[in-house]
Amino acid sequence: MSAEAVHYNMHDAKTRLSRIIERVERGEEVIIDRAGTPVARVVPLVRRTSRTSIGSLAGQVDLSGDWDSPQTNAEIATDFGIGV
């Protein structure tokens, strides 16, 4: 457990859930204790990047000049067991 984490007892966690979630959304880690013993860790979720918009990979993908050549297509077909 992180030394930087903020601790809440069970009663305070139930009472202040919205505030705890706000802290977690800002990147903080929160530990919830029961009778002084840590029982849960609340951490931010790592969100996956949405790739639904056109150009979302701009500057991140580099296609070589022969990416769609007959030779490259034949190699791919061979890799997948497809006769060309």
Protein backbone atom coordinates (compact mmCIF):
# COMPACT_ATOMS: atom_id res chain seq x y z
CA MET A 1 0.00 0.00 0.00
CA SER A 2 1.19 3.45 -0.81
CA ALA A 3 2.36 5.75 1.99
CA GLU A 4 0.70 8.61 0.10
CA ALA A 5 -2.77 7.03 0.27
CA VAL A 6 -5.48 8.69 2.33
CA HIS A 7 -7.29 6.45 4.84
CA TYR A 8 -11.00 6.53 5.68
CA ASN A 9 -12.77 4.36 8.20
CA MET A 10 -15.84 2.47 6.97
CA HIS A 11 -18.36 4.96 8.40
CA ASP A 12 -16.56 7.98 6.91
CA ALA A 13 -16.22 6.20 3.56
CA LYS A 14 -19.98 5.62 3.38
CA THR A 15 -20.70 9.20 4.45
CA ARG A 16 -18.15 10.81 2.10
CA LEU A 17 -18.28 8.51 -0.94
CA SER A 18 -18.71 11.38 -3.43
CA ARG A 19 -15.66 13.19 -2.04
CA ILE A 20 -13.63 9.99 -2.11
CA ILE A 21 -14.53 9.41 -5.76
CA GLU A 22 -13.54 13.01 -6.60
CA ARG A 23 -10.13 12.42 -5.01
CA VAL A 24 -9.68 9.17 -6.92
CA GLU A 25 -10.66 10.88 -10.19
CA ARG A 26 -7.82 13.35 -9.54
CA GLY A 27 -5.43 10.39 -9.35
CA GLU A 28 -5.24 9.84 -5.60
CA GLU A 29 -5.37 6.45 -3.93
CA VAL A 30 -7.78 5.95 -1.03
CA ILE A 31 -7.65 3.14 1.54
CA ILE A 32 -10.77 2.12 3.45
CA ASP A 33 -10.24 0.65 6.91
CA ARG A 34 -12.48 -1.48 9.09
CA ALA A 35 -11.63 -1.30 12.79
CA GLY A 36 -8.23 0.19 11.91
CA THR A 37 -7.31 -2.57 9.43
CA PRO A 38 -7.08 -1.70 5.72
CA VAL A 39 -9.63 -3.74 3.76
CA ALA A 40 -10.02 -1.96 0.41
CA ARG A 41 -8.03 0.23 -1.92
CA VAL A 42 -9.84 2.63 -4.27
CA VAL A 43 -7.71 3.59 -7.27
CA PRO A 44 -8.43 5.34 -10.59
CA LEU A 45 -9.36 3.15 -13.51
CA VAL A 46 -7.08 3.17 -16.51
CA ARG A 47 -9.31 4.07 -19.41
CA ARG A 48 -8.74 2.65 -22.84
CA THR A 49 -8.31 5.14 -25.64
CA SER A 50 -11.19 5.37 -28.05
CA ARG A 51 -10.07 4.85 -31.64
CA THR A 52 -13.40 5.62 -33.26
CA SER A 53 -12.60 8.99 -34.79
CA ILE A 54 -10.87 9.47 -38.11
CA GLY A 55 -7.27 10.49 -37.62
CA SER A 56 -7.01 9.28 -34.02
CA LEU A 57 -3.74 7.50 -34.86
CA ALA A 58 -2.28 10.37 -36.90
CA GLY A 59 1.48 10.52 -36.43
CA GLN A 60 1.53 7.20 -34.55
CA VAL A 61 1.38 4.74 -37.45
CA ASP A 62 4.04 4.55 -40.13
CA LEU A 63 3.25 2.44 -43.19
CA SER A 64 6.18 1.58 -45.40
CA GLY A 65 5.91 2.38 -49.10
CA ASP A 66 5.33 -1.26 -50.06
CA TRP A 67 2.60 -2.01 -47.51
CA ASP A 68 0.11 -2.94 -50.27
CA SER A 69 2.47 -4.48 -52.81
CA PRO A 70 1.67 -7.83 -54.45
CA GLN A 71 4.68 -9.38 -52.69
CA THR A 72 3.53 -8.19 -49.24
CA ASN A 73 -0.02 -9.40 -49.94
CA ALA A 74 1.32 -12.81 -51.03
CA GLU A 75 3.40 -13.09 -47.83
CA ILE A 76 0.36 -12.26 -45.70
CA ALA A 77 -1.77 -14.77 -47.61
CA THR A 78 0.91 -17.42 -47.06
CA ASP A 79 1.03 -16.62 -43.33
CA PHE A 80 -2.73 -17.21 -43.13
CA GLY A 81 -2.62 -20.34 -45.29
CA ILE A 82 -4.47 -18.74 -48.18
CA GLY A 83 -3.37 -19.49 -51.74
CA VAL A 84 -3.10 -16.43 -53.98
